[in-house]
Amino acid sequence: MLIDQLARHLEAHETVVLTLRQPGDHAFDRNLSYRVVRVPAPGRRPAVLALNGALPFVAARMRAEAVISGHIVCAPGALIARRRLGVPVLQYVYAMELTARGKLAAAVLPRVDRTIAISEYARGLAEARGARPELTRTVKPGVDEPPPVLVGARNQLIVTVARLQDRYKGFDVMLRALPLILARVPEAQWVILGDGPLHPELLATANRAGIGSRVRFLGQTSNRVRDEWLARARVFAMPSRVPPGGAGEGFGIVFLEAGRFGVPAVSGAEGGAAEAVLDGVSGTLVDPRDHLAVADAISDLLTDDELQRRYGAAARSRAAELSWEQMARGVETMLEDAVRP
């Protein structure tokens, strides 16, 4: 999503995106304002090899003046393009890949011309793996303007938008916190938008705890359905943590997506999420392992109308400040600095 939005908003540059073939990509590509070159995706590792192999040739054919590597796994191909064509390479970093592929990151980050970090947290991880501080900048991601969705009565609705795949998102802590929330707010309901392999386990845990009727798993939804639920939510909750040996959230665009609709957030005070949510301003940051703290923070926003409105207004302002347009201008500045002799 981030690279797509970047390509859409790089108005001062002609942009070509190299990516993988996917079902339905012809229909998607027809509506784009930028050009896409796709390579076959026979499997995860072969696909990465295909992207790296194609990158120098596509860059040469398009007479590229610079290459932005959208993921660390594409850095080898980008560096080959630089050696052959003499063009600068800008490397995007997020967080998780810097721990999952630490050796690769340490090998390529000292060699790229610029490093673009999506948060100060991600920047710190990158510099710890060799990214040069003087050539590394933080450019936070953004969100779109909110669509014209009718905002109904904000009932005692807690919403989470996340793939049910990464345990560090804090689903387990939410399930321990929910009985305490219900003790204070019996009509509260937790709605989760997203699907993944943790779904059966989380559903079984909720049923064993006797709170299954207060938890709704909606699965993967369209952006429109997501926005309709966010427009009705009173609190967005995702107490993300940094797992042992991992990185956790690089930033957390979902917090901004909720903020577009004036929904304050409760998140963990760790990783990049601590930059997406402004503690005591657009939401509350808590110890993401402490279900008591999570329950208190959510319950306060469910029961205190003035607090919910104040944080919600700040969350809306925060989302308006961090737009895709603003992100693209930051990247354009880095591009111009890298290309300038």
Protein backbone atom coordinates (compact mmCIF):
# COMPACT_ATOMS: atom_id res chain seq x y z
CA MET A 1 0.00 0.00 0.00
CA LEU A 2 2.73 2.48 0.92
CA ILE A 3 4.63 2.12 -2.37
CA ASP A 4 1.37 2.38 -4.33
CA GLN A 5 0.49 5.62 -2.55
CA LEU A 6 4.00 6.95 -3.00
CA ALA A 7 3.89 6.29 -6.75
CA ARG A 8 0.50 7.99 -7.00
CA HIS A 9 1.76 11.14 -5.30
CA LEU A 10 5.27 11.58 -6.75
CA GLU A 11 3.98 14.32 -9.02
CA ALA A 12 7.38 15.74 -9.97
CA HIS A 13 8.71 12.39 -11.20
CA GLU A 14 7.74 9.79 -13.77
CA THR A 15 7.38 6.60 -11.75
CA VAL A 16 7.61 2.96 -12.79
CA VAL A 17 6.85 0.29 -10.20
CA LEU A 18 8.35 -3.19 -10.53
CA THR A 19 6.27 -5.77 -8.69
CA LEU A 20 4.85 -9.29 -8.87
CA ARG A 21 2.00 -10.66 -10.92
CA GLN A 22 -1.18 -11.29 -8.96
CA PRO A 23 -4.71 -12.42 -9.80
CA GLY A 24 -6.74 -9.49 -11.11
CA ASP A 25 -3.72 -7.24 -11.58
CA HIS A 26 -4.73 -6.18 -15.13
CA ALA A 27 -7.91 -4.53 -13.86
CA PHE A 28 -6.01 -2.88 -11.01
CA ASP A 29 -3.23 -1.57 -13.27
CA ARG A 30 -5.64 0.01 -15.78
CA ASN A 31 -6.70 2.63 -13.25
CA LEU A 32 -3.22 3.65 -12.11
CA SER A 33 -1.57 6.99 -12.79
CA TYR A 34 1.86 5.36 -12.96
CA ARG A 35 3.35 2.51 -14.98
CA VAL A 36 3.70 -1.02 -13.59
CA VAL A 37 6.04 -3.77 -14.75
CA ARG A 38 5.16 -7.19 -13.34
CA VAL A 39 7.19 -10.38 -13.13
CA PRO A 40 5.85 -13.90 -12.45
CA ALA A 41 5.53 -14.99 -8.83
CA PRO A 42 6.10 -18.78 -8.86
CA GLY A 43 6.79 -18.96 -5.14
CA ARG A 44 8.08 -16.83 -2.31
CA ARG A 45 11.83 -17.31 -2.79
CA PRO A 46 11.73 -17.57 -6.60
CA ALA A 47 9.62 -14.40 -6.65
CA VAL A 48 12.22 -12.46 -4.69
CA LEU A 49 14.94 -13.74 -7.04
CA ALA A 50 12.81 -12.75 -10.04
CA LEU A 51 12.36 -9.20 -8.73
CA ASN A 52 16.07 -8.78 -8.04
CA GLY A 53 16.98 -10.25 -11.40
CA ALA A 54 14.58 -8.02 -13.33
CA LEU A 55 15.31 -4.80 -11.46
CA PRO A 56 18.60 -3.80 -13.17
CA PHE A 57 17.20 -4.52 -16.64
CA VAL A 58 13.97 -2.60 -16.02
CA ALA A 59 15.93 0.33 -14.57
CA ALA A 60 18.17 0.37 -17.66
CA ARG A 61 15.25 0.11 -20.09
CA MET A 62 13.39 2.95 -18.36
CA ARG A 63 16.56 5.06 -18.10
CA ALA A 64 16.01 5.43 -14.40
CA GLU A 65 17.64 8.34 -12.61
CA ALA A 66 17.15 6.74 -9.18
CA VAL A 67 15.90 3.48 -7.68
CA ILE A 68 13.73 3.23 -4.58
CA SER A 69 13.88 -0.24 -3.06
CA GLY A 70 10.55 -0.75 -1.33
CA HIS A 71 11.75 -3.68 0.81
CA ILE A 72 15.12 -4.85 2.04
CA VAL A 73 14.83 -8.07 -0.01
CA CYS A 74 14.99 -5.97 -3.20
CA ALA A 75 18.19 -4.18 -2.16
CA PRO A 76 20.58 -6.59 -3.95
CA GLY A 77 18.96 -5.92 -7.33
CA ALA A 78 18.86 -2.20 -6.61
CA LEU A 79 22.57 -2.13 -5.80
CA ILE A 80 23.37 -4.03 -9.01
CA ALA A 81 21.39 -1.37 -10.90
CA ARG A 82 23.43 1.34 -9.19
CA ARG A 83 26.71 -0.31 -10.15
CA ARG A 84 25.67 -0.74 -13.78
CA LEU A 85 23.88 2.56 -14.32
CA GLY A 86 25.48 4.88 -11.78
CA VAL A 87 22.14 5.85 -10.24
CA PRO A 88 21.47 6.39 -6.52
CA VAL A 89 19.53 3.86 -4.46
CA LEU A 90 17.07 4.83 -1.73
CA GLN A 91 16.08 2.04 0.66
CA TYR A 92 12.79 1.98 2.56
CA VAL A 93 12.85 0.43 6.05
CA TYR A 94 9.88 -0.44 8.26
CA ALA A 95 10.99 -2.45 11.31
CA MET A 96 10.12 -6.15 11.22
CA GLU A 97 12.35 -6.94 8.25
CA LEU A 98 15.35 -5.41 10.02
CA THR A 99 15.23 -8.12 12.67
CA ALA A 100 13.90 -10.94 10.48
CA ARG A 101 16.60 -10.28 7.85
CA GLY A 102 19.23 -8.68 10.02
CA LYS A 103 22.24 -10.03 8.11
CA LEU A 104 20.91 -8.77 4.79
CA ALA A 105 20.11 -5.38 6.32
CA ALA A 106 23.60 -5.10 7.78
CA ALA A 107 25.09 -5.97 4.39
CA VAL A 108 23.14 -3.46 2.28
CA LEU A 109 22.22 -0.48 4.49
CA PRO A 110 25.79 0.90 4.71
CA ARG A 111 25.96 0.83 0.89
CA VAL A 112 22.73 2.58 -0.16
CA ASP A 113 22.67 6.31 -0.91
CA ARG A 114 19.71 7.16 1.31
CA THR A 115 17.61 5.28 3.87
CA ILE A 116 13.94 6.21 4.32
CA ALA A 117 12.53 5.14 7.70
CA ILE A 118 8.79 5.18 8.40
CA SER A 119 9.37 6.14 12.06
CA GLU A 120 12.10 7.21 14.44
CA TYR A 121 11.86 3.71 15.89
CA ALA A 122 12.55 2.15 12.47
CA ARG A 123 15.35 4.66 11.94
CA GLY A 124 17.03 3.54 15.14
CA LEU A 125 16.81 -0.10 14.09
CA ALA A 126 18.26 0.74 10.67
CA GLU A 127 21.16 2.77 12.06
CA ALA A 128 21.95 -0.07 14.47
CA ARG A 129 22.40 -2.23 11.35
CA GLY A 130 24.68 0.15 9.55
CA ALA A 131 22.49 2.79 7.92
CA ARG A 132 24.48 6.00 7.80
CA PRO A 133 22.83 8.55 10.16
CA GLU A 134 23.63 11.53 7.95
CA LEU A 135 21.88 9.85 4.99
CA THR A 136 18.89 8.48 6.91
CA ARG A 137 15.63 10.37 7.28
CA THR A 138 12.27 9.65 8.87
CA VAL A 139 9.31 10.10 6.53
CA LYS A 140 6.12 8.99 8.22
CA PRO A 141 3.38 7.32 6.16
CA GLY A 142 -0.04 8.85 5.74
CA VAL A 143 -3.72 8.19 5.13
CA ASP A 144 -6.38 9.31 2.67
CA GLU A 145 -9.04 11.86 3.38
CA PRO A 146 -12.01 10.18 5.08
CA PRO A 147 -14.75 9.15 2.64
CA PRO A 148 -18.29 10.51 3.03
CA VAL A 149 -19.47 7.92 5.56
CA LEU A 150 -22.42 8.60 7.83
CA VAL A 151 -21.23 8.57 11.42
CA GLY A 152 -23.90 6.97 13.55
CA ALA A 153 -24.25 6.99 17.29
CA ARG A 154 -20.99 5.95 18.84
CA ASN A 155 -22.13 3.08 20.99
CA GLN A 156 -19.74 1.27 23.31
CA LEU A 157 -17.88 -0.20 20.38
CA ILE A 158 -14.19 -1.16 20.46
CA VAL A 159 -12.66 -1.84 17.04
CA THR A 160 -9.40 -3.52 16.03
CA VAL A 161 -8.18 -3.80 12.44
CA ALA A 162 -5.36 -6.32 12.07
CA ARG A 163 -4.36 -9.58 10.47
CA LEU A 164 -4.92 -12.42 12.90
CA GLN A 165 -1.41 -13.61 12.32
CA ASP A 166 1.01 -11.67 14.50
CA ARG A 167 0.71 -12.31 18.23
CA TYR A 168 2.51 -9.09 19.05
CA LYS A 169 -0.66 -7.19 18.04
CA GLY A 170 -1.97 -7.92 21.54
CA PHE A 171 -5.09 -10.02 20.88
CA ASP A 172 -4.32 -12.15 23.94
CA VAL A 173 -4.09 -9.11 26.18
CA MET A 174 -7.36 -7.75 24.80
CA LEU A 175 -9.12 -11.02 25.62
CA ARG A 176 -7.84 -10.82 29.21
CA ALA A 177 -8.85 -7.16 29.44
CA LEU A 178 -12.35 -7.54 28.03
CA PRO A 179 -14.01 -9.13 31.13
CA LEU A 180 -12.75 -6.18 33.18
CA ILE A 181 -14.09 -3.75 30.59
CA LEU A 182 -17.46 -5.49 30.61
CA ALA A 183 -17.59 -5.22 34.40
CA ARG A 184 -17.55 -1.43 34.00
CA VAL A 185 -19.33 -1.20 30.64
CA PRO A 186 -21.65 -4.23 30.26
CA GLU A 187 -22.83 -3.17 26.78
CA ALA A 188 -19.29 -2.95 25.36
CA GLN A 189 -18.47 -5.00 22.28
CA TRP A 190 -15.14 -5.78 20.63
CA VAL A 191 -15.15 -6.05 16.83
CA ILE A 192 -12.10 -7.40 14.99
CA LEU A 193 -11.69 -6.80 11.26
CA GLY A 194 -9.10 -9.11 9.75
CA ASP A 195 -8.45 -12.79 9.32
CA GLY A 196 -5.60 -15.21 9.77
CA PRO A 197 -4.44 -18.43 11.41
CA LEU A 198 -5.01 -17.17 14.97
CA HIS A 199 -8.77 -16.87 14.43
CA PRO A 200 -9.79 -20.34 15.76
CA GLU A 201 -7.57 -19.98 18.82
CA LEU A 202 -8.85 -16.51 19.68
CA LEU A 203 -12.47 -17.54 19.19
CA ALA A 204 -12.00 -20.58 21.43
CA THR A 205 -10.34 -18.44 24.11
CA ALA A 206 -13.20 -15.94 24.04
CA ASN A 207 -15.77 -18.72 24.39
CA ARG A 208 -13.92 -20.36 27.28
CA ALA A 209 -13.81 -17.01 29.07
CA GLY A 210 -17.57 -16.62 28.63
CA ILE A 211 -17.23 -13.45 26.52
CA GLY A 212 -17.79 -14.99 23.09
CA SER A 213 -21.06 -13.10 22.64
CA ARG A 214 -19.26 -9.76 23.14
CA VAL A 215 -16.56 -10.44 20.51
CA ARG A 216 -17.23 -10.33 16.76
CA PHE A 217 -14.75 -11.64 14.22
CA LEU A 218 -15.69 -10.11 10.87
CA GLY A 219 -12.81 -11.53 8.83
CA GLN A 220 -11.19 -9.75 5.91
CA THR A 221 -13.32 -6.81 4.77
CA SER A 222 -13.25 -4.15 2.09
CA ASN A 223 -11.96 -0.66 2.88
CA ARG A 224 -15.52 0.59 2.73
CA VAL A 225 -16.74 -1.85 5.36
CA ARG A 226 -13.71 -1.06 7.49
CA ASP A 227 -14.50 2.65 7.29
CA GLU A 228 -18.15 2.07 8.18
CA TRP A 229 -17.12 0.29 11.37
CA LEU A 230 -14.53 2.92 12.24
CA ALA A 231 -17.14 5.63 11.73
CA ARG A 232 -19.24 3.96 14.44
CA ALA A 233 -16.42 3.09 16.85
CA ARG A 234 -15.80 4.82 20.14
CA VAL A 235 -12.31 3.40 20.69
CA PHE A 236 -9.68 1.82 18.48
CA ALA A 237 -7.60 -0.68 20.42
CA MET A 238 -4.47 -2.59 19.47
CA PRO A 239 -1.96 -2.94 22.34
CA SER A 240 1.00 -3.88 20.16
CA ARG A 241 4.24 -4.91 21.83
CA VAL A 242 7.81 -5.58 20.73
CA PRO A 243 8.25 -9.37 20.87
CA PRO A 244 11.52 -10.99 21.96
CA GLY A 245 13.89 -10.98 19.02
CA GLY A 246 11.38 -9.10 16.87
CA ALA A 247 10.48 -5.53 16.04
CA GLY A 248 6.70 -5.13 16.46
CA GLU A 249 4.97 -2.20 14.80
CA GLY A 250 7.11 -0.06 12.52
CA PHE A 251 4.51 2.71 12.77
CA GLY A 252 0.85 1.70 12.61
CA ILE A 253 -1.17 3.27 9.81
CA VAL A 254 -4.33 1.72 11.25
CA PHE A 255 -4.20 4.18 14.14
CA LEU A 256 -4.31 7.05 11.64
CA GLU A 257 -7.12 5.36 9.70
CA ALA A 258 -9.17 5.31 12.89
CA GLY A 259 -8.19 8.89 13.64
CA ARG A 260 -9.70 10.05 10.31
CA PHE A 261 -13.09 9.38 11.90
CA GLY A 262 -12.28 11.00 15.21
CA VAL A 263 -11.65 7.69 16.98
CA PRO A 264 -9.01 7.81 19.74
CA ALA A 265 -6.71 4.83 20.18
CA VAL A 266 -5.29 2.66 22.93
CA SER A 267 -1.94 1.18 22.01
CA GLY A 268 1.23 -0.17 23.49
CA ALA A 269 3.92 2.27 24.51
CA GLU A 270 6.50 0.37 22.47
CA GLY A 271 7.85 0.35 18.93
CA GLY A 272 6.55 2.58 16.19
CA ALA A 273 2.99 2.61 17.51
CA ALA A 274 4.17 5.01 20.19
CA GLU A 275 4.73 7.54 17.38
CA ALA A 276 1.41 6.94 15.65
CA VAL A 277 -0.58 7.59 18.86
CA LEU A 278 0.20 10.71 20.87
CA ASP A 279 -0.18 9.75 24.53
CA GLY A 280 -2.67 11.91 26.37
CA VAL A 281 -3.49 13.75 23.15
CA SER A 282 -4.89 11.44 20.44
CA GLY A 283 -5.13 8.36 22.64
CA THR A 284 -3.51 6.44 25.45
CA LEU A 285 -0.27 4.47 25.45
CA VAL A 286 -0.03 1.69 28.00
CA ASP A 287 2.16 -1.23 28.97
CA PRO A 288 1.01 -3.64 26.24
CA ARG A 289 1.51 -6.69 28.49
CA ASP A 290 -0.62 -5.32 31.32
CA HIS A 291 -4.25 -6.25 30.71
CA LEU A 292 -5.31 -4.16 33.72
CA ALA A 293 -3.80 -1.02 32.17
CA VAL A 294 -5.39 -1.86 28.80
CA ALA A 295 -8.79 -2.38 30.43
CA ASP A 296 -8.58 0.89 32.35
CA ALA A 297 -7.56 2.93 29.30
CA ILE A 298 -10.34 1.51 27.13
CA SER A 299 -12.97 1.78 29.87
CA ASP A 300 -12.07 5.42 30.49
CA LEU A 301 -12.70 6.25 26.83
CA LEU A 302 -15.95 4.30 26.84
CA THR A 303 -17.32 6.07 29.92
CA ASP A 304 -15.87 9.60 29.75
CA ASP A 305 -17.60 11.51 26.93
CA GLU A 306 -15.46 14.62 27.26
CA LEU A 307 -12.22 12.61 27.17
CA GLN A 308 -13.37 10.61 24.16
CA ARG A 309 -14.34 13.78 22.25
CA ARG A 310 -11.10 15.58 23.10
CA TYR A 311 -8.85 12.68 22.15
CA GLY A 312 -10.99 11.99 19.09
CA ALA A 313 -10.63 15.56 17.81
CA ALA A 314 -6.86 15.36 18.27
CA ALA A 315 -6.79 11.99 16.49
CA ARG A 316 -8.61 13.55 13.53
CA SER A 317 -6.10 16.43 13.40
CA ARG A 318 -3.20 13.98 13.62
CA ALA A 319 -4.53 11.99 10.66
CA ALA A 320 -5.03 15.18 8.64
CA GLU A 321 -1.42 16.23 9.25
CA LEU A 322 0.04 12.91 8.09
CA SER A 323 -1.24 12.61 4.53
CA TRP A 324 0.13 10.61 1.60
CA GLU A 325 0.84 13.93 -0.07
CA GLN A 326 3.02 14.99 2.85
CA MET A 327 4.87 11.66 2.71
CA ALA A 328 5.53 12.00 -1.02
CA ARG A 329 6.96 15.50 -0.59
CA GLY A 330 9.38 14.16 2.01
CA VAL A 331 10.54 11.38 -0.31
CA GLU A 332 10.86 13.82 -3.23
CA THR A 333 13.21 15.95 -1.16
CA MET A 334 15.39 12.90 -0.50
CA LEU A 335 15.29 11.94 -4.19
CA GLU A 336 16.42 15.39 -5.27
CA ASP A 337 19.24 15.38 -2.73
CA ALA A 338 20.40 11.94 -3.91
CA VAL A 339 20.28 12.79 -7.62
CA ARG A 340 21.83 16.24 -7.33
CA PRO A 341 25.53 16.15 -8.30
